[in-house]
C-alpha atoms as a PDB file:
ATOM      1  CA  MET A   1      32.306  40.019  39.914  1.00  0.00           C
ATOM      2  CA  HIS A   2      33.670  36.473  40.084  1.00  0.00           C
ATOM      3  CA  THR A   3      33.862  34.510  36.840  1.00  0.00           C
ATOM      4  CA  THR A   4      32.591  31.246  38.313  1.00  0.00           C
ATOM      5  CA  PRO A   5      30.255  29.407  35.906  1.00  0.00           C
ATOM      6  CA  GLU A   6      26.545  29.866  36.407  1.00  0.00           C
ATOM      7  CA  PRO A   7      25.121  26.907  38.395  1.00  0.00           C
ATOM      8  CA  GLN A   8      23.250  24.169  36.537  1.00  0.00           C
ATOM      9  CA  GLN A   9      20.256  22.250  37.824  1.00  0.00           C
ATOM     10  CA  SER A  10      20.779  18.566  38.650  1.00  0.00           C
ATOM     11  CA  GLY A  11      17.634  16.563  39.285  1.00  0.00           C
ATOM     12  CA  ASN A  12      15.262  18.833  41.178  1.00  0.00           C
ATOM     13  CA  SER A  13      17.910  21.054  42.798  1.00  0.00           C
ATOM     14  CA  PHE A  14      20.712  23.474  41.969  1.00  0.00           C
ATOM     15  CA  GLY A  15      22.473  22.563  45.218  1.00  0.00           C
ATOM     16  CA  PHE A  16      23.873  25.030  47.729  1.00  0.00           C
ATOM     17  CA  THR A  17      25.417  27.717  45.573  1.00  0.00           C
ATOM     18  CA  ALA A  18      25.772  31.464  45.008  1.00  0.00           C
ATOM     19  CA  TRP A  19      26.396  33.398  41.800  1.00  0.00           C
ATOM     20  CA  ARG A  20      26.434  36.944  40.436  1.00  0.00           C
ATOM     21  CA  GLY A  21      26.666  37.987  36.816  1.00  0.00           C
ATOM     22  CA  HIS A  22      24.807  39.440  33.865  1.00  0.00           C
ATOM     23  CA  SER A  23      21.587  37.602  33.201  1.00  0.00           C
ATOM     24  CA  HIS A  24      18.569  37.909  30.936  1.00  0.00           C
ATOM     25  CA  VAL A  25      14.862  37.185  31.064  1.00  0.00           C
ATOM     26  CA  MET A  26      14.094  33.468  31.154  1.00  0.00           C
ATOM     27  CA  SER A  27      12.746  31.959  27.936  1.00  0.00           C
ATOM     28  CA  ALA A  28      10.538  29.568  29.927  1.00  0.00           C
ATOM     29  CA  PRO A  29       9.515  28.850  33.513  1.00  0.00           C
ATOM     30  CA  HIS A  30      11.472  26.358  35.581  1.00  0.00           C
ATOM     31  CA  ALA A  31      11.143  24.721  39.000  1.00  0.00           C
ATOM     32  CA  HIS A  32      13.578  23.324  41.566  1.00  0.00           C
ATOM     33  CA  ASN A  33      13.371  22.195  45.183  1.00  0.00           C
ATOM     34  CA  ASP A  34      15.527  24.970  46.653  1.00  0.00           C
ATOM     35  CA  ILE A  35      14.925  28.173  48.551  1.00  0.00           C
ATOM     36  CA  GLU A  36      16.119  30.898  46.188  1.00  0.00           C
ATOM     37  CA  VAL A  37      17.358  34.362  47.176  1.00  0.00           C
ATOM     38  CA  ASN A  38      17.710  36.974  44.423  1.00  0.00           C
ATOM     39  CA  TYR A  39      19.202  40.464  44.457  1.00  0.00           C
ATOM     40  CA  CYS A  40      19.613  43.085  41.732  1.00  0.00           C
ATOM     41  CA  ALA A  41      20.321  46.830  41.629  1.00  0.00           C
ATOM     42  CA  SER A  42      17.397  47.228  39.205  1.00  0.00           C
ATOM     43  CA  PRO A  43      13.786  45.987  39.593  1.00  0.00           C
ATOM     44  CA  LEU A  44      13.012  42.313  38.886  1.00  0.00           C
ATOM     45  CA  THR A  45       9.672  40.963  37.702  1.00  0.00           C
ATOM     46  CA  TYR A  46       8.733  37.307  38.172  1.00  0.00           C
ATOM     47  CA  GLU A  47       5.757  35.277  36.989  1.00  0.00           C
ATOM     48  CA  SER A  48       4.548  32.235  38.909  1.00  0.00           C
ATOM     49  CA  GLY A  49       1.223  30.464  38.650  1.00  0.00           C
ATOM     50  CA  GLY A  50      -0.325  33.174  36.488  1.00  0.00           C
ATOM     51  CA  LEU A  51       0.644  35.950  38.923  1.00  0.00           C
ATOM     52  CA  THR A  52       3.432  38.511  38.778  1.00  0.00           C
ATOM     53  CA  SER A  53       5.642  39.968  41.489  1.00  0.00           C
ATOM     54  CA  THR A  54       7.854  43.009  40.955  1.00  0.00           C
ATOM     55  CA  ILE A  55      10.838  43.257  43.288  1.00  0.00           C
ATOM     56  CA  PRO A  56      12.030  46.829  43.931  1.00  0.00           C
ATOM     57  CA  ALA A  57      15.577  47.756  42.967  1.00  0.00           C
ATOM     58  CA  GLY A  58      18.178  46.823  45.556  1.00  0.00           C
ATOM     59  CA  VAL A  59      15.816  44.646  47.635  1.00  0.00           C
ATOM     60  CA  PRO A  60      16.697  40.947  48.114  1.00  0.00           C
ATOM     61  CA  CYS A  61      13.801  38.516  47.817  1.00  0.00           C
ATOM     62  CA  ALA A  62      13.413  34.877  48.843  1.00  0.00           C
ATOM     63  CA  PHE A  63      10.969  32.200  47.674  1.00  0.00           C
ATOM     64  CA  TRP A  64      10.597  28.421  47.344  1.00  0.00           C
ATOM     65  CA  GLY A  65      11.435  27.396  43.789  1.00  0.00           C
ATOM     66  CA  ALA A  66       9.301  24.236  43.606  1.00  0.00           C
ATOM     67  CA  LYS A  67       6.470  26.020  41.818  1.00  0.00           C
ATOM     68  CA  PRO A  68       7.156  26.979  38.178  1.00  0.00           C
ATOM     69  CA  HIS A  69       8.499  30.537  38.041  1.00  0.00           C
ATOM     70  CA  GLN A  70      10.053  32.766  35.427  1.00  0.00           C
ATOM     71  CA  LEU A  71      12.067  35.987  35.430  1.00  0.00           C
ATOM     72  CA  ILE A  72      10.252  38.077  32.816  1.00  0.00           C
ATOM     73  CA  ASP A  73      11.831  41.531  33.232  1.00  0.00           C
ATOM     74  CA  ILE A  74      15.338  42.690  34.229  1.00  0.00           C
ATOM     75  CA  THR A  75      17.566  45.569  33.146  1.00  0.00           C
ATOM     76  CA  SER A  76      20.269  43.927  31.030  1.00  0.00           C
ATOM     77  CA  THR A  77      23.013  46.208  32.361  1.00  0.00           C
ATOM     78  CA  SER A  78      22.387  45.269  36.018  1.00  0.00           C
ATOM     79  CA  PRO A  79      24.041  42.091  37.318  1.00  0.00           C
ATOM     80  CA  LEU A  80      21.739  39.546  38.963  1.00  0.00           C
ATOM     81  CA  ALA A  81      22.875  37.803  42.145  1.00  0.00           C
ATOM     82  CA  TYR A  82      21.276  34.711  43.597  1.00  0.00           C
ATOM     83  CA  ILE A  83      21.664  31.957  46.162  1.00  0.00           C
ATOM     84  CA  THR A  84      20.013  28.531  46.128  1.00  0.00           C
ATOM     85  CA  ILE A  85      19.683  26.475  49.314  1.00  0.00           C
ATOM     86  CA  PRO A  86      18.381  22.880  49.026  1.00  0.00           C
ATOM     87  CA  LEU A  87      15.169  22.467  50.984  1.00  0.00           C
ATOM     88  CA  ALA A  88      16.617  19.932  53.437  1.00  0.00           C
ATOM     89  CA  GLN A  89      19.544  22.219  54.287  1.00  0.00           C
ATOM     90  CA  PHE A  90      17.251  25.239  54.667  1.00  0.00           C
ATOM     91  CA  MET A  91      14.944  23.338  57.035  1.00  0.00           C
ATOM     92  CA  ARG A  92      17.915  22.632  59.338  1.00  0.00           C
ATOM     93  CA  TRP A  93      18.682  26.347  59.630  1.00  0.00           C
ATOM     94  CA  ASN A  94      17.386  28.441  62.516  1.00  0.00           C
ATOM     95  CA  VAL A  95      15.099  30.559  60.340  1.00  0.00           C
ATOM     96  CA  PRO A  96      11.883  31.297  62.283  1.00  0.00           C
ATOM     97  CA  THR A  97       9.325  28.518  61.859  1.00  0.00           C
ATOM     98  CA  ALA A  98       6.559  30.903  60.782  1.00  0.00           C
ATOM     99  CA  SER A  99       8.741  32.273  57.988  1.00  0.00           C
ATOM    100  CA  LYS A 100       9.667  28.779  56.824  1.00  0.00           C
ATOM    101  CA  SER A 101       5.987  27.935  56.652  1.00  0.00           C
ATOM    102  CA  ARG A 102       5.103  31.031  54.626  1.00  0.00           C
ATOM    103  CA  LEU A 103       7.897  30.376  52.128  1.00  0.00           C
ATOM    104  CA  LEU A 104       6.742  26.771  51.682  1.00  0.00           C
ATOM    105  CA  GLN A 105       3.197  28.024  51.117  1.00  0.00           C
ATOM    106  CA  GLY A 106       4.463  29.979  48.113  1.00  0.00           C
ATOM    107  CA  GLU A 107       4.828  33.498  49.537  1.00  0.00           C
ATOM    108  CA  LEU A 108       7.624  35.874  48.522  1.00  0.00           C
ATOM    109  CA  LEU A 109       9.779  37.447  51.243  1.00  0.00           C
ATOM    110  CA  LEU A 110      11.268  40.939  50.757  1.00  0.00           C
ATOM    111  CA  ALA A 111      14.201  41.982  52.940  1.00  0.00           C
ATOM    112  CA  PRO A 112      14.012  45.198  55.005  1.00  0.00           C
ATOM    113  CA  SER A 113      16.412  47.920  53.854  1.00  0.00           C
ATOM    114  CA  ASP A 114      17.731  48.575  57.368  1.00  0.00           C
ATOM    115  CA  GLU A 115      18.888  44.951  57.804  1.00  0.00           C
ATOM    116  CA  LEU A 116      21.024  44.653  54.670  1.00  0.00           C
ATOM    117  CA  PRO A 117      24.784  44.119  55.018  1.00  0.00           C
ATOM    118  CA  ASP A 118      27.124  46.726  53.566  1.00  0.00           C
ATOM    119  CA  ALA A 119      28.342  46.117  49.991  1.00  0.00           C
ATOM    120  CA  LEU A 120      25.782  43.339  49.489  1.00  0.00           C
ATOM    121  CA  ALA A 121      26.664  42.718  45.821  1.00  0.00           C
ATOM    122  CA  GLU A 122      30.293  42.124  46.756  1.00  0.00           C
ATOM    123  CA  ARG A 123      29.163  39.708  49.482  1.00  0.00           C
ATOM    124  CA  PHE A 124      27.460  37.597  46.835  1.00  0.00           C
ATOM    125  CA  ASP A 125      30.783  37.547  44.957  1.00  0.00           C
ATOM    126  CA  HIS A 126      32.579  36.456  48.131  1.00  0.00           C
ATOM    127  CA  TRP A 127      30.014  33.736  48.894  1.00  0.00           C
ATOM    128  CA  SER A 128      30.204  32.487  45.319  1.00  0.00           C
ATOM    129  CA  GLY A 129      33.989  32.299  45.410  1.00  0.00           C
ATOM    130  CA  ASP A 130      34.031  30.464  48.736  1.00  0.00           C
ATOM    131  CA  LEU A 131      31.398  27.915  47.677  1.00  0.00           C
ATOM    132  CA  HIS A 132      33.339  27.180  44.477  1.00  0.00           C
ATOM    133  CA  SER A 133      36.737  27.071  46.224  1.00  0.00           C
ATOM    134  CA  GLY A 134      36.484  23.475  47.392  1.00  0.00           C
ATOM    135  CA  ASP A 135      37.532  24.618  50.871  1.00  0.00           C
ATOM    136  CA  GLU A 136      35.193  22.970  53.386  1.00  0.00           C
ATOM    137  CA  LEU A 137      35.895  25.513  56.139  1.00  0.00           C
ATOM    138  CA  ARG A 138      35.120  28.467  53.845  1.00  0.00           C
ATOM    139  CA  ALA A 139      31.919  26.730  52.712  1.00  0.00           C
ATOM    140  CA  ARG A 140      30.859  26.247  56.347  1.00  0.00           C
ATOM    141  CA  ALA A 141      31.542  29.927  57.107  1.00  0.00           C
ATOM    142  CA  THR A 142      29.530  30.946  54.048  1.00  0.00           C
ATOM    143  CA  ALA A 143      26.602  28.758  55.143  1.00  0.00           C
ATOM    144  CA  LEU A 144      26.552  30.476  58.541  1.00  0.00           C
ATOM    145  CA  GLU A 145      26.706  33.929  56.955  1.00  0.00           C
ATOM    146  CA  ILE A 146      23.868  33.158  54.526  1.00  0.00           C
ATOM    147  CA  GLU A 147      21.786  31.634  57.324  1.00  0.00           C
ATOM    148  CA  ALA A 148      22.206  34.855  59.334  1.00  0.00           C
ATOM    149  CA  PHE A 149      21.341  36.889  56.226  1.00  0.00           C
ATOM    150  CA  LEU A 150      18.101  34.924  55.764  1.00  0.00           C
ATOM    151  CA  ILE A 151      17.164  35.378  59.416  1.00  0.00           C
ATOM    152  CA  ARG A 152      17.564  39.145  59.007  1.00  0.00           C
ATOM    153  CA  MET A 153      15.459  38.979  55.838  1.00  0.00           C
ATOM    154  CA  THR A 154      12.536  37.635  57.909  1.00  0.00           C
ATOM    155  CA  PHE A 155      12.234  41.078  59.533  1.00  0.00           C
ATOM    156  CA  GLY A 156      10.947  42.272  56.149  1.00  0.00           C
ATOM    157  CA  GLU A 157       7.626  42.057  54.310  1.00  0.00           C
ATOM    158  CA  TRP A 158       5.710  39.534  52.193  1.00  0.00           C
ATOM    159  CA  SER A 159       5.021  40.540  48.606  1.00  0.00           C
ATOM    160  CA  ALA A 160       1.670  41.030  46.911  1.00  0.00           C
ATOM    161  CA  THR A 161       0.991  39.731  43.391  1.00  0.00           C
ATOM    162  CA  ALA A 162      -1.022  40.836  40.386  1.00  0.00           C
ATOM    163  CA  ALA A 163      -2.520  39.220  37.289  1.00  0.00           C
ATOM    164  CA  THR A 164       0.000  38.407  34.575  1.00  0.00           C
ATOM    165  CA  PRO A 165      -0.409  40.294  31.271  1.00  0.00           C
ATOM    166  CA  ASP A 166      -1.003  38.233  28.132  1.00  0.00           C
ATOM    167  CA  ARG A 167       2.128  36.690  26.627  1.00  0.00           C
ATOM    168  CA  SER A 168       3.066  37.033  22.968  1.00  0.00           C
ATOM    169  CA  SER A 169       4.039  33.378  22.566  1.00  0.00           C
ATOM    170  CA  ILE A 170       1.071  31.003  22.464  1.00  0.00           C
ATOM    171  CA  SER A 171       3.281  27.949  23.019  1.00  0.00           C
ATOM    172  CA  LEU A 172       5.004  29.521  26.016  1.00  0.00           C
ATOM    173  CA  SER A 173       1.672  30.549  27.492  1.00  0.00           C
ATOM    174  CA  ARG A 174       0.248  27.041  27.062  1.00  0.00           C
ATOM    175  CA  ALA A 175       3.335  25.415  28.573  1.00  0.00           C
ATOM    176  CA  ALA A 176       3.148  27.755  31.554  1.00  0.00           C
ATOM    177  CA  GLU A 177      -0.550  26.945  31.988  1.00  0.00           C
ATOM    178  CA  MET A 178       0.244  23.220  31.927  1.00  0.00           C
ATOM    179  CA  ALA A 179       2.986  23.662  34.540  1.00  0.00           C
ATOM    180  CA  THR A 180       0.591  25.620  36.733  1.00  0.00           C
ATOM    181  CA  PHE A 181      -2.049  22.897  36.326  1.00  0.00           C
ATOM    182  CA  ILE A 182       0.532  20.291  37.377  1.00  0.00           C
ATOM    183  CA  SER A 183       1.535  22.245  40.490  1.00  0.00           C
ATOM    184  CA  SER A 184      -2.125  22.630  41.482  1.00  0.00           C
ATOM    185  CA  HIS A 185      -3.190  19.032  40.788  1.00  0.00           C
ATOM    186  CA  ALA A 186      -0.038  16.951  41.357  1.00  0.00           C
ATOM    187  CA  HIS A 187      -1.587  15.442  44.498  1.00  0.00           C
ATOM    188  CA  THR A 188      -4.390  13.927  42.384  1.00  0.00           C
ATOM    189  CA  PRO A 189      -4.088  11.000  39.917  1.00  0.00           C
ATOM    190  CA  ILE A 190      -3.593  13.207  36.856  1.00  0.00           C
ATOM    191  CA  ARG A 191      -2.043  11.895  33.646  1.00  0.00           C
ATOM    192  CA  VAL A 192      -0.768  13.447  30.428  1.00  0.00           C
ATOM    193  CA  PRO A 193      -4.277  13.610  28.845  1.00  0.00           C
ATOM    194  CA  ASP A 194      -5.533  15.564  31.875  1.00  0.00           C
ATOM    195  CA  VAL A 195      -2.687  18.072  31.557  1.00  0.00           C
ATOM    196  CA  ALA A 196      -3.347  18.390  27.818  1.00  0.00           C
ATOM    197  CA  ALA A 197      -7.064  18.900  28.419  1.00  0.00           C
ATOM    198  CA  SER A 198      -6.300  21.835  30.729  1.00  0.00           C
ATOM    199  CA  VAL A 199      -5.138  23.784  27.649  1.00  0.00           C
ATOM    200  CA  HIS A 200      -7.558  22.121  25.186  1.00  0.00           C
ATOM    201  CA  LEU A 201      -4.871  20.287  23.202  1.00  0.00           C
ATOM    202  CA  HIS A 202      -4.367  16.738  21.940  1.00  0.00           C
ATOM    203  CA  PRO A 203      -1.981  14.899  24.326  1.00  0.00           C
ATOM    204  CA  ASN A 204       0.692  14.493  21.640  1.00  0.00           C
ATOM    205  CA  ARG A 205       0.592  18.213  20.781  1.00  0.00           C
ATOM    206  CA  ALA A 206       0.634  19.194  24.455  1.00  0.00           C
ATOM    207  CA  ALA A 207       3.580  16.886  25.137  1.00  0.00           C
ATOM    208  CA  SER A 208       5.516  18.357  22.203  1.00  0.00           C
ATOM    209  CA  ILE A 209       4.944  21.965  23.341  1.00  0.00           C
ATOM    210  CA  PHE A 210       5.825  21.154  26.953  1.00  0.00           C
ATOM    211  CA  LYS A 211       9.045  19.371  25.940  1.00  0.00           C
ATOM    212  CA  ALA A 212      10.091  22.251  23.663  1.00  0.00           C
ATOM    213  CA  VAL A 213       9.566  24.864  26.412  1.00  0.00           C
ATOM    214  CA  PHE A 214      10.706  23.025  29.551  1.00  0.00           C
ATOM    215  CA  GLY A 215      13.202  20.540  28.124  1.00  0.00           C
ATOM    216  CA  SER A 216      11.535  17.629  29.915  1.00  0.00           C
ATOM    217  CA  SER A 217       8.461  15.488  29.404  1.00  0.00           C
ATOM    218  CA  ILE A 218       5.200  16.149  31.234  1.00  0.00           C
ATOM    219  CA  THR A 219       5.622  12.838  33.067  1.00  0.00           C
ATOM    220  CA  THR A 220       9.162  13.663  34.245  1.00  0.00           C
ATOM    221  CA  TYR A 221       8.145  17.161  35.352  1.00  0.00           C
ATOM    222  CA  LEU A 222       5.129  15.807  37.235  1.00  0.00           C
ATOM    223  CA  GLY A 223       7.281  13.192  38.982  1.00  0.00           C
ATOM    224  CA  GLN A 224       9.875  15.751  40.072  1.00  0.00           C
ATOM    225  CA  TYR A 225       7.187  18.080  41.413  1.00  0.00           C
ATOM    226  CA  ARG A 226       5.673  15.228  43.421  1.00  0.00           C
ATOM    227  CA  VAL A 227       9.095  14.323  44.823  1.00  0.00           C
ATOM    228  CA  ALA A 228       9.610  17.959  45.886  1.00  0.00           C
ATOM    229  CA  GLU A 229       6.269  17.884  47.708  1.00  0.00           C
ATOM    230  CA  ALA A 230       7.209  14.571  49.345  1.00  0.00           C
ATOM    231  CA  GLN A 231      10.513  16.076  50.524  1.00  0.00           C
ATOM    232  CA  ARG A 232       8.612  18.982  52.082  1.00  0.00           C
ATOM    233  CA  LEU A 233       6.291  16.623  53.930  1.00  0.00           C
ATOM    234  CA  LEU A 234       9.126  14.371  55.085  1.00  0.00           C
ATOM    235  CA  LEU A 235      10.772  17.386  56.709  1.00  0.00           C
ATOM    236  CA  THR A 236       7.725  19.142  58.115  1.00  0.00           C
ATOM    237  CA  THR A 237       5.293  16.398  59.222  1.00  0.00           C
ATOM    238  CA  GLU A 238       5.207  13.129  61.147  1.00  0.00           C
ATOM    239  CA  MET A 239       3.274  11.384  58.369  1.00  0.00           C
ATOM    240  CA  SER A 240       4.416   7.897  57.414  1.00  0.00           C
ATOM    241  CA  SER A 241       6.336   7.411  54.172  1.00  0.00           C
ATOM    242  CA  ALA A 242       3.349   5.561  52.660  1.00  0.00           C
ATOM    243  CA  ALA A 243       0.958   8.386  53.571  1.00  0.00           C
ATOM    244  CA  ILE A 244       3.339  10.993  52.175  1.00  0.00           C
ATOM    245  CA  GLY A 245       3.659   9.150  48.871  1.00  0.00           C
ATOM    246  CA  HIS A 246      -0.122   9.016  48.555  1.00  0.00           C
ATOM    247  CA  HIS A 247      -0.542  12.671  49.587  1.00  0.00           C
ATOM    248  CA  ALA A 248       2.075  13.781  47.041  1.00  0.00           C
ATOM    249  CA  GLY A 249       0.133  12.058  44.256  1.00  0.00           C
ATOM    250  CA  PHE A 250       1.904   8.737  43.751  1.00  0.00           C
ATOM    251  CA  GLN A 251      -0.531   5.903  43.079  1.00  0.00           C
ATOM    252  CA  SER A 252       1.546   3.151  44.713  1.00  0.00           C
ATOM    253  CA  ALA A 253       4.377   2.739  47.213  1.00  0.00           C
ATOM    254  CA  SER A 254       6.580   1.218  44.513  1.00  0.00           C
ATOM    255  CA  SER A 255       6.131   4.162  42.130  1.00  0.00           C
ATOM    256  CA  PHE A 256       6.839   6.601  44.984  1.00  0.00           C
ATOM    257  CA  HIS A 257      10.036   4.829  46.044  1.00  0.00           C
ATOM    258  CA  ALA A 258      11.275   4.478  42.463  1.00  0.00           C
ATOM    259  CA  ALA A 259      10.688   8.153  41.641  1.00  0.00           C
ATOM    260  CA  PHE A 260      12.170   9.334  44.938  1.00  0.00           C
ATOM    261  CA  ALA A 261      15.308   7.190  44.547  1.00  0.00           C
ATOM    262  CA  ALA A 262      15.774   8.414  40.969  1.00  0.00           C
ATOM    263  CA  VAL A 263      15.840  12.052  42.130  1.00  0.00           C
ATOM    264  CA  CYS A 264      17.420  11.760  45.598  1.00  0.00           C
ATOM    265  CA  GLY A 265      19.500   8.590  45.335  1.00  0.00           C
ATOM    266  CA  THR A 266      17.995   7.062  48.472  1.00  0.00           C
ATOM    267  CA  SER A 267      14.700   5.925  49.974  1.00  0.00           C
ATOM    268  CA  PRO A 268      12.249   8.396  51.550  1.00  0.00           C
ATOM    269  CA  ALA A 269      12.841   6.957  55.034  1.00  0.00           C
ATOM    270  CA  GLN A 270      16.634   7.175  54.723  1.00  0.00           C
ATOM    271  CA  TRP A 271      16.409  10.698  53.301  1.00  0.00           C
ATOM    272  CA  ARG A 272      14.246  11.779  56.243  1.00  0.00           C
ATOM    273  CA  ARG A 273      16.720  10.343  58.773  1.00  0.00           C
ATOM    274  CA  GLN A 274      19.621  12.106  57.041  1.00  0.00           C
ATOM    275  CA  HIS A 275      17.950  15.521  56.826  1.00  0.00           C
ATOM    276  CA  ARG A 276      15.397  15.782  59.599  1.00  0.00           C
ATOM    277  CA  THR A 277      16.072  18.438  62.258  1.00  0.00           C
ATOM    278  CA  PRO A 278      14.835  18.031  65.830  1.00  0.00           C
ATOM    279  CA  VAL A 279      11.957  20.445  66.525  1.00  0.00           C
ATOM    280  CA  SER A 280      13.880  22.020  69.410  1.00  0.00           C
ATOM    281  CA  ALA A 281      16.627  23.117  67.014  1.00  0.00           C
ATOM    282  CA  THR A 282      14.527  25.772  65.291  1.00  0.00           C
ATOM    283  CA  ILE A 283      13.411  29.217  66.423  1.00  0.00           C
ATOM    284  CA  ALA A 284       9.675  29.439  67.141  1.00  0.00           C
END
């Protein structure tokens, strides 16, 4: 395995990166606006939105990370490999449109065993090394290889989910419930008291628990989730910027533009022009 450092989240994305190493269960859910691909020689169990998904050993899976999710079970002796692809970059790739849509609707894609490259774990090492090398040509080659890998993954199946067992930590459970409430109601004019009421807590107590678990305030988390939804709509619809801001849950054009610029460093319209792919460029 390469010894490259594990990627860190910046804003609402990890960026285009690959990594393999020894990992552990996550202490709390997190969310990011990337397509994530995970692979492990042992089974993986994830929780998202109150549902669990168990990934069989040796089967890569892909999902959109914008909804809060958490790795809750992994064999400590088995290295975990993953790739993150920013949403805008993924939408430019020639992954079948139907598969893109299912991923953005929250479904989990499982790769077929007969479409996996040889020595897949070592390929993750190679991709990781190339993406950290600073060599633009190697990074371009890696992007093409990962794009082809994702296209082959779409020949696979979509995972079923089951109810999540009760958690031992009350604070963790409440924080996860609040994050799920945010992801389900972000398009409405919810505020901190509404999020707190969803778990029957005083707003100050809810805010304290959420901050301790997620490392960010409820308001910041809500804003980043709304920006992720706006990015999805900018790439997948012809809606105007004003309509997208309203649909994503922002109560004014000024609040939408300020939040979007804080996360993406540019306006929604400029971001769309930079990242939008012509419809004819994707596989039907």
